[in-house]
Amino acid sequence: VCLVTTFTFPNITPTTNTLELVSNTRTYQSPLTNAIQTASRKGSLWKASLQFKNLNGDDRQEMQAFLVKLNGQQHRFTLQDHSFTPRGAGGGTLRVNGASQSGTTLVCDGATASVNNYLRAGDQISFNNELHMVVADASSDASTNISLSIAPPIRKTPADNTIVDYSVPVVGVFMLAGPASWNTRVGIFSDFNIEAVEDVLA
């Protein structure tokens, strides 16, 4: 068994940044009627693809060292969606309100009271090392409570009063999806292509 460390991804902006939700759903089709049923299970995760073009100097060597120290899929790292721009007003310290929550609704408190569009559809949040997207506008009430519709579904039940992060950078815990490599050209410019998946056990 290897010890696992979670590192912070280097503060280098990618040339391109792709985030994909890999849903853990399955469909079943009846051979008699062709009716299709869909089953949704826990374990949906984010997949990230990042390209870094023409890195040189300190950025180039920092990225090389970071990828090498991950030792393949041994270690993990926190990663943000570099294209994300929040739309909600936010405010206060958002916390999980009540234990044993699951599914696609997260009930919270600690928001600034009575804020319209406290978080908006497309905003991102993280808790319990999980990255989620808010899929419907949500406003806080006079008692600082707010109910968030999120995707993907909660993987691990968060403890009561767990802090919900909505401030940039909003990060999830990821691991490499394949070998780490880069190519280098004359003038010592390197290109990096990084494929990563969210760690469902983080």
N, C-alpha and C. Protein backbone atom coordinates (compact mmCIF):
# COMPACT_ATOMS: atom_id res chain seq x y z
N VAL A 1 0.84 -1.19 0.00
CA VAL A 1 0.00 0.00 0.00
C VAL A 1 0.88 1.25 0.00
N CYS A 2 0.61 2.18 -0.91
CA CYS A 2 1.40 3.40 -1.02
C CYS A 2 0.73 4.53 -0.24
N LEU A 3 1.56 5.35 0.40
CA LEU A 3 1.04 6.55 1.02
C LEU A 3 0.63 7.53 -0.07
N VAL A 4 -0.51 8.17 0.13
CA VAL A 4 -1.04 9.10 -0.87
C VAL A 4 -1.01 10.52 -0.31
N THR A 5 -0.44 11.43 -1.08
CA THR A 5 -0.39 12.85 -0.73
C THR A 5 -1.20 13.64 -1.74
N THR A 6 -1.91 14.66 -1.28
CA THR A 6 -2.65 15.53 -2.18
C THR A 6 -1.90 16.85 -2.34
N PHE A 7 -1.46 17.12 -3.56
CA PHE A 7 -0.69 18.32 -3.87
C PHE A 7 -1.59 19.40 -4.48
N THR A 8 -1.09 20.62 -4.49
CA THR A 8 -1.78 21.73 -5.15
C THR A 8 -1.25 21.86 -6.57
N PHE A 9 -2.15 21.92 -7.54
CA PHE A 9 -1.73 22.04 -8.94
C PHE A 9 -0.99 23.37 -9.12
N PRO A 10 0.06 23.39 -9.94
CA PRO A 10 0.83 24.63 -10.16
C PRO A 10 -0.06 25.78 -10.63
N ASN A 11 0.28 26.98 -10.22
CA ASN A 11 -0.48 28.17 -10.59
C ASN A 11 -0.08 28.63 -11.99
N ILE A 12 -0.42 27.79 -12.97
CA ILE A 12 -0.10 28.05 -14.37
C ILE A 12 -1.40 27.88 -15.16
N THR A 13 -1.79 28.88 -15.91
CA THR A 13 -3.05 28.82 -16.64
C THR A 13 -2.90 28.01 -17.92
N PRO A 14 -3.77 27.03 -18.15
CA PRO A 14 -3.65 26.21 -19.36
C PRO A 14 -4.04 26.97 -20.61
N THR A 15 -3.53 26.54 -21.74
CA THR A 15 -3.92 27.11 -23.02
C THR A 15 -5.36 26.73 -23.34
N THR A 16 -5.71 25.48 -23.10
CA THR A 16 -7.10 25.02 -23.23
C THR A 16 -7.43 24.18 -22.01
N ASN A 17 -8.71 24.22 -21.64
CA ASN A 17 -9.16 23.55 -20.42
C ASN A 17 -10.54 22.94 -20.71
N THR A 18 -10.64 21.62 -20.64
CA THR A 18 -11.90 20.93 -20.90
C THR A 18 -12.33 20.18 -19.66
N LEU A 19 -13.59 20.38 -19.26
CA LEU A 19 -14.15 19.68 -18.11
C LEU A 19 -15.37 18.91 -18.58
N GLU A 20 -15.41 17.62 -18.26
CA GLU A 20 -16.50 16.75 -18.72
C GLU A 20 -17.06 15.97 -17.54
N LEU A 21 -18.38 15.95 -17.43
CA LEU A 21 -19.02 15.14 -16.39
C LEU A 21 -19.26 13.75 -16.94
N VAL A 22 -18.66 12.76 -16.29
CA VAL A 22 -18.85 11.36 -16.67
C VAL A 22 -19.90 10.77 -15.74
N SER A 23 -21.12 10.64 -16.23
CA SER A 23 -22.23 10.19 -15.40
C SER A 23 -22.20 8.66 -15.27
N ASN A 24 -22.48 8.19 -14.08
CA ASN A 24 -22.52 6.74 -13.83
C ASN A 24 -23.97 6.26 -13.99
N THR A 25 -24.44 6.32 -15.23
CA THR A 25 -25.79 5.86 -15.54
C THR A 25 -25.72 4.72 -16.55
N ARG A 26 -26.71 3.87 -16.52
CA ARG A 26 -26.80 2.75 -17.45
C ARG A 26 -28.22 2.67 -18.00
N THR A 27 -28.33 2.31 -19.27
CA THR A 27 -29.65 2.14 -19.86
C THR A 27 -29.88 0.67 -20.19
N TYR A 28 -31.13 0.26 -20.09
CA TYR A 28 -31.54 -1.11 -20.35
C TYR A 28 -32.73 -1.08 -21.31
N GLN A 29 -32.61 -1.80 -22.41
CA GLN A 29 -33.67 -1.81 -23.42
C GLN A 29 -34.33 -3.17 -23.49
N SER A 30 -35.65 -3.17 -23.42
CA SER A 30 -36.41 -4.42 -23.49
C SER A 30 -36.32 -5.00 -24.89
N PRO A 31 -35.95 -6.28 -25.02
CA PRO A 31 -35.91 -6.90 -26.36
C PRO A 31 -37.31 -7.12 -26.94
N LEU A 32 -38.34 -7.01 -26.09
CA LEU A 32 -39.71 -7.25 -26.55
C LEU A 32 -40.40 -5.98 -27.00
N THR A 33 -40.25 -4.90 -26.21
CA THR A 33 -40.98 -3.66 -26.51
C THR A 33 -40.08 -2.51 -26.93
N ASN A 34 -38.77 -2.68 -26.79
CA ASN A 34 -37.79 -1.62 -27.06
C ASN A 34 -37.88 -0.46 -26.07
N ALA A 35 -38.67 -0.63 -25.00
CA ALA A 35 -38.73 0.39 -23.96
C ALA A 35 -37.37 0.50 -23.27
N ILE A 36 -36.96 1.73 -22.97
CA ILE A 36 -35.65 1.96 -22.37
C ILE A 36 -35.83 2.47 -20.95
N GLN A 37 -35.12 1.85 -20.01
CA GLN A 37 -35.08 2.31 -18.64
C GLN A 37 -33.66 2.75 -18.31
N THR A 38 -33.55 3.78 -17.49
CA THR A 38 -32.24 4.31 -17.11
C THR A 38 -32.06 4.18 -15.60
N ALA A 39 -30.90 3.67 -15.21
CA ALA A 39 -30.55 3.57 -13.79
C ALA A 39 -29.39 4.50 -13.50
N SER A 40 -29.55 5.32 -12.46
CA SER A 40 -28.50 6.25 -12.05
C SER A 40 -27.90 5.77 -10.74
N ARG A 41 -26.56 5.67 -10.70
CA ARG A 41 -25.88 5.16 -9.52
C ARG A 41 -24.83 6.16 -9.06
N LYS A 42 -24.38 5.99 -7.82
CA LYS A 42 -23.32 6.85 -7.31
C LYS A 42 -22.05 6.62 -8.10
N GLY A 43 -21.18 7.63 -8.07
CA GLY A 43 -19.88 7.48 -8.69
C GLY A 43 -19.66 8.34 -9.92
N SER A 44 -20.63 9.21 -10.27
CA SER A 44 -20.37 10.15 -11.36
C SER A 44 -19.19 11.04 -10.98
N LEU A 45 -18.38 11.41 -11.97
CA LEU A 45 -17.16 12.16 -11.67
C LEU A 45 -16.83 13.10 -12.81
N TRP A 46 -15.91 14.04 -12.51
CA TRP A 46 -15.43 14.98 -13.51
C TRP A 46 -14.15 14.47 -14.15
N LYS A 47 -14.04 14.68 -15.44
CA LYS A 47 -12.83 14.39 -16.19
C LYS A 47 -12.29 15.69 -16.75
N ALA A 48 -11.01 15.93 -16.57
CA ALA A 48 -10.39 17.18 -17.01
C ALA A 48 -9.31 16.91 -18.04
N SER A 49 -9.27 17.74 -19.08
CA SER A 49 -8.21 17.69 -20.08
C SER A 49 -7.59 19.08 -20.17
N LEU A 50 -6.29 19.15 -19.93
CA LEU A 50 -5.60 20.44 -19.95
C LEU A 50 -4.42 20.39 -20.91
N GLN A 51 -4.31 21.44 -21.71
CA GLN A 51 -3.17 21.58 -22.61
C GLN A 51 -2.40 22.85 -22.24
N PHE A 52 -1.10 22.70 -22.19
CA PHE A 52 -0.21 23.84 -21.92
C PHE A 52 0.76 23.94 -23.09
N LYS A 53 0.70 25.03 -23.81
CA LYS A 53 1.53 25.20 -24.99
C LYS A 53 2.67 26.18 -24.71
N ASN A 54 3.83 25.83 -25.20
CA ASN A 54 5.00 26.72 -25.20
C ASN A 54 5.42 27.17 -23.80
N LEU A 55 5.39 26.26 -22.84
CA LEU A 55 5.92 26.61 -21.53
C LEU A 55 7.44 26.62 -21.60
N ASN A 56 8.03 27.62 -20.95
CA ASN A 56 9.50 27.66 -20.87
C ASN A 56 9.90 28.20 -19.51
N GLY A 57 11.19 28.22 -19.26
CA GLY A 57 11.70 28.78 -18.01
C GLY A 57 11.13 28.10 -16.78
N ASP A 58 10.77 28.92 -15.77
CA ASP A 58 10.30 28.38 -14.50
C ASP A 58 9.01 27.57 -14.65
N ASP A 59 8.07 28.05 -15.47
CA ASP A 59 6.81 27.34 -15.63
C ASP A 59 7.04 25.93 -16.19
N ARG A 60 7.90 25.82 -17.16
CA ARG A 60 8.20 24.53 -17.78
C ARG A 60 8.76 23.55 -16.75
N GLN A 61 9.73 23.99 -15.99
CA GLN A 61 10.37 23.07 -15.04
C GLN A 61 9.47 22.78 -13.84
N GLU A 62 8.65 23.75 -13.43
CA GLU A 62 7.73 23.51 -12.33
C GLU A 62 6.69 22.46 -12.73
N MET A 63 6.19 22.54 -13.98
CA MET A 63 5.20 21.56 -14.43
C MET A 63 5.82 20.18 -14.56
N GLN A 64 7.03 20.11 -15.07
CA GLN A 64 7.73 18.82 -15.16
C GLN A 64 7.88 18.18 -13.78
N ALA A 65 8.37 18.96 -12.83
CA ALA A 65 8.61 18.44 -11.49
C ALA A 65 7.30 17.99 -10.84
N PHE A 66 6.23 18.76 -11.06
CA PHE A 66 4.93 18.41 -10.48
C PHE A 66 4.44 17.08 -11.01
N LEU A 67 4.50 16.89 -12.33
CA LEU A 67 4.01 15.65 -12.92
C LEU A 67 4.85 14.45 -12.48
N VAL A 68 6.14 14.64 -12.37
CA VAL A 68 7.01 13.54 -11.96
C VAL A 68 6.75 13.13 -10.52
N LYS A 69 6.55 14.11 -9.62
CA LYS A 69 6.36 13.77 -8.20
C LYS A 69 5.01 13.11 -7.94
N LEU A 70 4.07 13.23 -8.88
CA LEU A 70 2.81 12.52 -8.71
C LEU A 70 3.00 11.01 -8.79
N ASN A 71 4.10 10.59 -9.41
CA ASN A 71 4.42 9.15 -9.52
C ASN A 71 3.25 8.39 -10.13
N GLY A 72 2.86 8.84 -11.31
CA GLY A 72 1.73 8.19 -11.98
C GLY A 72 0.43 8.47 -11.23
N GLN A 73 -0.25 7.42 -10.84
CA GLN A 73 -1.53 7.55 -10.15
C GLN A 73 -1.42 7.36 -8.64
N GLN A 74 -0.19 7.45 -8.11
CA GLN A 74 -0.04 7.28 -6.67
C GLN A 74 -0.65 8.45 -5.90
N HIS A 75 -0.29 9.67 -6.32
CA HIS A 75 -0.71 10.85 -5.57
C HIS A 75 -1.87 11.58 -6.24
N ARG A 76 -2.46 12.50 -5.51
CA ARG A 76 -3.62 13.26 -5.97
C ARG A 76 -3.26 14.74 -6.01
N PHE A 77 -4.15 15.54 -6.58
CA PHE A 77 -3.92 16.99 -6.62
C PHE A 77 -5.26 17.71 -6.69
N THR A 78 -5.28 18.92 -6.14
CA THR A 78 -6.47 19.76 -6.25
C THR A 78 -6.41 20.51 -7.57
N LEU A 79 -7.56 20.57 -8.23
CA LEU A 79 -7.61 21.18 -9.57
C LEU A 79 -8.90 21.98 -9.71
N GLN A 80 -8.79 23.14 -10.33
CA GLN A 80 -9.95 23.99 -10.59
C GLN A 80 -10.28 23.98 -12.08
N ASP A 81 -11.52 24.39 -12.39
CA ASP A 81 -11.92 24.66 -13.76
C ASP A 81 -11.48 26.08 -14.07
N HIS A 82 -10.43 26.22 -14.86
CA HIS A 82 -9.85 27.54 -15.12
C HIS A 82 -10.79 28.45 -15.90
N SER A 83 -11.84 27.90 -16.49
CA SER A 83 -12.77 28.73 -17.26
C SER A 83 -13.94 29.24 -16.42
N PHE A 84 -14.01 28.83 -15.15
CA PHE A 84 -15.18 29.14 -14.33
C PHE A 84 -15.17 30.59 -13.85
N THR A 85 -16.31 31.26 -14.04
CA THR A 85 -16.54 32.60 -13.51
C THR A 85 -17.85 32.58 -12.72
N PRO A 86 -17.82 32.85 -11.40
CA PRO A 86 -19.05 32.79 -10.60
C PRO A 86 -20.03 33.89 -10.98
N ARG A 87 -21.34 33.57 -10.84
CA ARG A 87 -22.39 34.55 -11.15
C ARG A 87 -23.18 34.96 -9.91
N GLY A 88 -23.23 34.09 -8.89
CA GLY A 88 -24.03 34.38 -7.71
C GLY A 88 -23.41 35.44 -6.83
N ALA A 89 -24.26 36.03 -5.97
CA ALA A 89 -23.80 37.10 -5.08
C ALA A 89 -22.96 36.57 -3.93
N GLY A 90 -23.31 35.37 -3.42
CA GLY A 90 -22.56 34.79 -2.30
C GLY A 90 -22.67 35.61 -1.03
N GLY A 91 -21.74 35.36 -0.11
CA GLY A 91 -21.69 36.08 1.16
C GLY A 91 -21.89 35.15 2.34
N GLY A 92 -21.21 35.44 3.43
CA GLY A 92 -21.30 34.60 4.62
C GLY A 92 -20.39 33.39 4.52
N THR A 93 -20.55 32.47 5.46
CA THR A 93 -19.80 31.22 5.45
C THR A 93 -20.78 30.07 5.28
N LEU A 94 -20.84 29.52 4.10
CA LEU A 94 -21.82 28.49 3.76
C LEU A 94 -21.40 27.16 4.36
N ARG A 95 -22.34 26.49 5.05
CA ARG A 95 -22.06 25.20 5.69
C ARG A 95 -23.21 24.23 5.43
N VAL A 96 -22.87 22.94 5.43
CA VAL A 96 -23.88 21.89 5.32
C VAL A 96 -24.77 21.95 6.56
N ASN A 97 -26.07 21.94 6.33
CA ASN A 97 -27.04 22.02 7.44
C ASN A 97 -27.74 20.67 7.59
N GLY A 98 -27.18 19.82 8.45
CA GLY A 98 -27.78 18.51 8.70
C GLY A 98 -26.97 17.39 8.10
N ALA A 99 -26.79 16.32 8.87
CA ALA A 99 -26.04 15.15 8.40
C ALA A 99 -26.93 14.27 7.53
N SER A 100 -26.32 13.22 6.97
CA SER A 100 -27.03 12.18 6.20
C SER A 100 -27.64 12.70 4.91
N GLN A 101 -27.07 13.74 4.32
CA GLN A 101 -27.59 14.24 3.05
C GLN A 101 -27.00 13.46 1.88
N SER A 102 -27.82 13.24 0.89
CA SER A 102 -27.38 12.52 -0.31
C SER A 102 -28.19 13.01 -1.50
N GLY A 103 -27.93 12.45 -2.67
CA GLY A 103 -28.70 12.83 -3.84
C GLY A 103 -28.22 14.13 -4.47
N THR A 104 -29.13 14.87 -5.06
CA THR A 104 -28.78 16.06 -5.83
C THR A 104 -29.27 17.36 -5.19
N THR A 105 -29.62 17.30 -3.90
CA THR A 105 -29.99 18.50 -3.17
C THR A 105 -29.12 18.63 -1.93
N LEU A 106 -28.54 19.81 -1.73
CA LEU A 106 -27.71 20.07 -0.57
C LEU A 106 -28.32 21.23 0.21
N VAL A 107 -28.72 20.96 1.46
CA VAL A 107 -29.31 21.98 2.32
C VAL A 107 -28.20 22.60 3.16
N CYS A 108 -28.12 23.92 3.12
CA CYS A 108 -27.03 24.64 3.80
C CYS A 108 -27.59 25.77 4.65
N ASP A 109 -26.75 26.28 5.54
CA ASP A 109 -27.04 27.52 6.26
C ASP A 109 -25.75 28.32 6.34
N GLY A 110 -25.82 29.48 6.96
CA GLY A 110 -24.64 30.33 7.07
C GLY A 110 -24.50 31.33 5.95
N ALA A 111 -25.43 31.31 4.99
CA ALA A 111 -25.38 32.29 3.91
C ALA A 111 -25.82 33.66 4.43
N THR A 112 -25.40 34.70 3.76
CA THR A 112 -25.95 36.01 4.08
C THR A 112 -27.46 35.96 3.88
N ALA A 113 -28.20 36.48 4.84
CA ALA A 113 -29.65 36.35 4.84
C ALA A 113 -30.30 37.11 3.69
N SER A 114 -31.35 36.49 3.14
CA SER A 114 -32.24 37.14 2.17
C SER A 114 -31.52 37.69 0.94
N VAL A 115 -30.67 36.88 0.37
CA VAL A 115 -29.94 37.30 -0.84
C VAL A 115 -30.56 36.60 -2.05
N ASN A 116 -31.08 37.38 -2.97
CA ASN A 116 -31.62 36.82 -4.21
C ASN A 116 -30.46 36.37 -5.11
N ASN A 117 -30.63 35.18 -5.70
CA ASN A 117 -29.57 34.62 -6.55
C ASN A 117 -28.24 34.53 -5.80
N TYR A 118 -28.30 34.00 -4.60
CA TYR A 118 -27.08 33.80 -3.82
C TYR A 118 -26.08 32.96 -4.61
N LEU A 119 -26.55 31.87 -5.18
CA LEU A 119 -25.78 31.11 -6.16
C LEU A 119 -26.66 30.91 -7.38
N ARG A 120 -26.02 30.87 -8.55
CA ARG A 120 -26.79 30.77 -9.78
C ARG A 120 -26.40 29.51 -10.56
N ALA A 121 -27.29 29.12 -11.45
CA ALA A 121 -27.02 27.94 -12.29
C ALA A 121 -25.67 28.11 -13.00
N GLY A 122 -24.86 27.08 -12.91
CA GLY A 122 -23.52 27.13 -13.50
C GLY A 122 -22.43 27.46 -12.50
N ASP A 123 -22.80 27.99 -11.33
CA ASP A 123 -21.80 28.22 -10.28
C ASP A 123 -21.28 26.87 -9.78
N GLN A 124 -20.06 26.88 -9.28
CA GLN A 124 -19.44 25.65 -8.78
C GLN A 124 -19.22 25.74 -7.28
N ILE A 125 -19.36 24.60 -6.61
CA ILE A 125 -19.10 24.50 -5.18
C ILE A 125 -18.27 23.24 -4.93
N SER A 126 -17.62 23.21 -3.78
CA SER A 126 -16.91 21.98 -3.39
C SER A 126 -17.06 21.77 -1.89
N PHE A 127 -17.13 20.51 -1.52
CA PHE A 127 -17.18 20.09 -0.12
C PHE A 127 -16.78 18.62 -0.09
N ASN A 128 -16.21 18.20 1.04
CA ASN A 128 -15.83 16.78 1.15
C ASN A 128 -14.90 16.35 0.03
N ASN A 129 -14.09 17.26 -0.51
CA ASN A 129 -13.20 16.99 -1.64
C ASN A 129 -13.93 16.68 -2.93
N GLU A 130 -15.22 16.99 -3.00
CA GLU A 130 -16.01 16.77 -4.21
C GLU A 130 -16.31 18.10 -4.90
N LEU A 131 -16.26 18.08 -6.23
CA LEU A 131 -16.59 19.25 -7.03
C LEU A 131 -17.99 19.08 -7.60
N HIS A 132 -18.85 20.09 -7.42
CA HIS A 132 -20.23 20.03 -7.91
C HIS A 132 -20.58 21.32 -8.63
N MET A 133 -21.58 21.23 -9.50
CA MET A 133 -22.12 22.40 -10.16
C MET A 133 -23.55 22.65 -9.67
N VAL A 134 -23.85 23.91 -9.38
CA VAL A 134 -25.22 24.30 -9.05
C VAL A 134 -26.00 24.35 -10.36
N VAL A 135 -27.16 23.69 -10.42
CA VAL A 135 -27.89 23.58 -11.68
C VAL A 135 -29.18 24.40 -11.71
N ALA A 136 -29.46 25.14 -10.65
CA ALA A 136 -30.62 26.03 -10.62
C ALA A 136 -30.31 27.21 -9.71
N ASP A 137 -30.80 28.39 -10.07
CA ASP A 137 -30.60 29.57 -9.23
C ASP A 137 -31.16 29.30 -7.83
N ALA A 138 -30.47 29.81 -6.80
CA ALA A 138 -30.89 29.58 -5.42
C ALA A 138 -30.70 30.86 -4.61
N SER A 139 -31.72 31.19 -3.81
CA SER A 139 -31.69 32.38 -2.96
C SER A 139 -31.74 31.97 -1.49
N SER A 140 -31.08 32.73 -0.63
CA SER A 140 -31.09 32.44 0.80
C SER A 140 -32.32 33.05 1.44
N ASP A 141 -32.78 32.44 2.57
CA ASP A 141 -33.94 32.99 3.26
C ASP A 141 -33.50 33.89 4.42
N ALA A 142 -34.46 34.37 5.17
CA ALA A 142 -34.16 35.31 6.25
C ALA A 142 -33.40 34.67 7.40
N SER A 143 -33.38 33.32 7.44
CA SER A 143 -32.67 32.60 8.51
C SER A 143 -31.33 32.06 8.05
N THR A 144 -30.82 32.54 6.93
CA THR A 144 -29.53 32.18 6.32
C THR A 144 -29.53 30.79 5.70
N ASN A 145 -30.71 30.17 5.55
CA ASN A 145 -30.78 28.83 4.95
C ASN A 145 -30.87 28.93 3.43
N ILE A 146 -30.39 27.89 2.77
CA ILE A 146 -30.47 27.83 1.31
C ILE A 146 -30.43 26.37 0.89
N SER A 147 -31.21 26.03 -0.12
CA SER A 147 -31.25 24.67 -0.66
C SER A 147 -30.69 24.71 -2.08
N LEU A 148 -29.66 23.92 -2.33
CA LEU A 148 -28.96 23.93 -3.61
C LEU A 148 -29.26 22.67 -4.41
N SER A 149 -29.64 22.85 -5.66
CA SER A 149 -29.75 21.73 -6.60
C SER A 149 -28.41 21.58 -7.29
N ILE A 150 -27.80 20.40 -7.18
CA ILE A 150 -26.43 20.22 -7.64
C ILE A 150 -26.29 18.97 -8.51
N ALA A 151 -25.23 18.93 -9.27
CA ALA A 151 -24.82 17.76 -10.03
C ALA A 151 -23.30 17.72 -10.03
N PRO A 152 -22.69 16.54 -10.03
CA PRO A 152 -23.33 15.23 -9.93
C PRO A 152 -23.88 14.98 -8.53
N PRO A 153 -24.56 13.84 -8.32
CA PRO A 153 -25.07 13.53 -6.99
C PRO A 153 -23.94 13.41 -5.96
N ILE A 154 -24.28 13.68 -4.72
CA ILE A 154 -23.31 13.58 -3.61
C ILE A 154 -22.78 12.15 -3.54
N ARG A 155 -21.46 11.99 -3.47
CA ARG A 155 -20.88 10.65 -3.38
C ARG A 155 -20.74 10.18 -1.94
N LYS A 156 -20.25 11.09 -1.09
CA LYS A 156 -20.04 10.76 0.33
C LYS A 156 -20.85 11.73 1.18
N THR A 157 -21.61 11.20 2.10
CA THR A 157 -22.44 12.05 2.95
C THR A 157 -21.56 13.01 3.75
N PRO A 158 -21.75 14.32 3.60
CA PRO A 158 -20.94 15.28 4.36
C PRO A 158 -21.44 15.40 5.79
N ALA A 159 -20.52 15.68 6.69
CA ALA A 159 -20.89 15.90 8.09
C ALA A 159 -21.60 17.23 8.24
N ASP A 160 -22.43 17.32 9.26
CA ASP A 160 -23.09 18.59 9.57
C ASP A 160 -22.03 19.67 9.80
N ASN A 161 -22.27 20.85 9.30
CA ASN A 161 -21.39 22.01 9.44
C ASN A 161 -20.13 21.95 8.57
N THR A 162 -20.06 20.99 7.64
CA THR A 162 -18.96 20.98 6.68
C THR A 162 -19.01 22.27 5.85
N ILE A 163 -17.89 22.94 5.71
CA ILE A 163 -17.85 24.17 4.92
C ILE A 163 -18.04 23.87 3.44
N VAL A 164 -18.87 24.67 2.80
CA VAL A 164 -19.12 24.57 1.36
C VAL A 164 -18.41 25.74 0.69
N ASP A 165 -17.42 25.43 -0.13
CA ASP A 165 -16.61 26.47 -0.76
C ASP A 165 -17.22 26.87 -2.10
N TYR A 166 -17.41 28.17 -2.31
CA TYR A 166 -17.94 28.66 -3.59
C TYR A 166 -17.07 29.77 -4.16
N SER A 167 -15.98 30.08 -3.50
CA SER A 167 -15.10 31.17 -3.93
C SER A 167 -14.00 30.63 -4.82
N VAL A 168 -13.70 31.35 -5.90
CA VAL A 168 -12.63 30.95 -6.82
C VAL A 168 -11.29 31.00 -6.10
N PRO A 169 -10.41 29.96 -6.22
CA PRO A 169 -10.67 28.77 -7.02
C PRO A 169 -11.48 27.71 -6.27
N VAL A 170 -12.50 27.18 -6.93
CA VAL A 170 -13.26 26.06 -6.41
C VAL A 170 -12.58 24.80 -6.95
N VAL A 171 -12.17 23.90 -6.07
CA VAL A 171 -11.34 22.77 -6.51
C VAL A 171 -11.97 21.43 -6.12
N GLY A 172 -11.63 20.43 -6.91
CA GLY A 172 -11.90 19.04 -6.59
C GLY A 172 -10.57 18.32 -6.47
N VAL A 173 -10.62 17.07 -6.03
CA VAL A 173 -9.41 16.27 -5.89
C VAL A 173 -9.33 15.29 -7.07
N PHE A 174 -8.24 15.39 -7.83
CA PHE A 174 -8.09 14.63 -9.07
C PHE A 174 -6.85 13.75 -9.02
N MET A 175 -6.78 12.85 -9.98
CA MET A 175 -5.60 12.01 -10.19
C MET A 175 -5.35 11.90 -11.69
N LEU A 176 -4.13 11.60 -12.06
CA LEU A 176 -3.81 11.43 -13.47
C LEU A 176 -4.60 10.26 -14.04
N ALA A 177 -5.06 10.41 -15.28
CA ALA A 177 -5.78 9.33 -15.95
C ALA A 177 -4.86 8.49 -16.81
N GLY A 178 -3.62 8.94 -16.99
CA GLY A 178 -2.66 8.21 -17.81
C GLY A 178 -1.26 8.70 -17.55
N PRO A 179 -0.28 8.25 -18.32
CA PRO A 179 1.11 8.64 -18.11
C PRO A 179 1.31 10.14 -18.30
N ALA A 180 2.27 10.69 -17.58
CA ALA A 180 2.63 12.10 -17.70
C ALA A 180 3.77 12.24 -18.70
N SER A 181 3.61 13.13 -19.68
CA SER A 181 4.67 13.33 -20.68
C SER A 181 4.60 14.74 -21.22
N TRP A 182 5.65 15.14 -21.92
CA TRP A 182 5.69 16.45 -22.58
C TRP A 182 6.65 16.35 -23.75
N ASN A 183 6.49 17.25 -24.71
CA ASN A 183 7.44 17.29 -25.82
C ASN A 183 8.10 18.66 -25.85
N THR A 184 9.36 18.67 -26.25
CA THR A 184 10.17 19.89 -26.19
C THR A 184 10.76 20.20 -27.55
N ARG A 185 10.75 21.50 -27.91
CA ARG A 185 11.26 21.94 -29.20
C ARG A 185 12.49 22.83 -29.00
N VAL A 186 13.13 23.12 -30.11
CA VAL A 186 14.29 24.00 -30.10
C VAL A 186 13.90 25.33 -29.45
N GLY A 187 14.77 25.84 -28.60
CA GLY A 187 14.48 27.03 -27.84
C GLY A 187 13.98 26.68 -26.45
N ILE A 188 13.87 25.38 -26.19
CA ILE A 188 13.41 24.82 -24.91
C ILE A 188 12.01 25.32 -24.56
N PHE A 189 11.08 25.06 -25.48
CA PHE A 189 9.66 25.26 -25.25
C PHE A 189 9.00 23.89 -25.19
N SER A 190 8.18 23.68 -24.18
CA SER A 190 7.55 22.37 -24.01
C SER A 190 6.04 22.48 -24.03
N ASP A 191 5.40 21.45 -24.59
CA ASP A 191 3.95 21.32 -24.59
C ASP A 191 3.57 20.16 -23.67
N PHE A 192 2.53 20.37 -22.88
CA PHE A 192 2.05 19.36 -21.93
C PHE A 192 0.58 19.07 -22.22
N ASN A 193 0.23 17.79 -22.24
CA ASN A 193 -1.16 17.36 -22.34
C ASN A 193 -1.46 16.51 -21.12
N ILE A 194 -2.40 16.96 -20.29
CA ILE A 194 -2.68 16.30 -19.03
C ILE A 194 -4.14 15.84 -19.01
N GLU A 195 -4.33 14.55 -18.77
CA GLU A 195 -5.67 13.97 -18.60
C GLU A 195 -5.82 13.56 -17.14
N ALA A 196 -6.90 14.01 -16.51
CA ALA A 196 -7.12 13.73 -15.09
C ALA A 196 -8.57 13.38 -14.84
N VAL A 197 -8.79 12.58 -13.81
CA VAL A 197 -10.16 12.24 -13.40
C VAL A 197 -10.30 12.51 -11.91
N GLU A 198 -11.51 12.86 -11.50
CA GLU A 198 -11.78 13.12 -10.09
C GLU A 198 -11.64 11.82 -9.32
N ASP A 199 -11.05 11.89 -8.14
CA ASP A 199 -10.88 10.73 -7.28
C ASP A 199 -12.17 10.50 -6.48
N VAL A 200 -12.91 9.46 -6.82
CA VAL A 200 -14.20 9.24 -6.16
C VAL A 200 -14.05 8.79 -4.71
N LEU A 201 -12.84 8.43 -4.30
CA LEU A 201 -12.62 7.98 -2.92
C LEU A 201 -11.92 9.03 -2.07
N ALA A 202 -11.66 10.21 -2.64
CA ALA A 202 -10.91 11.24 -1.90
C ALA A 202 -11.68 11.67 -0.65
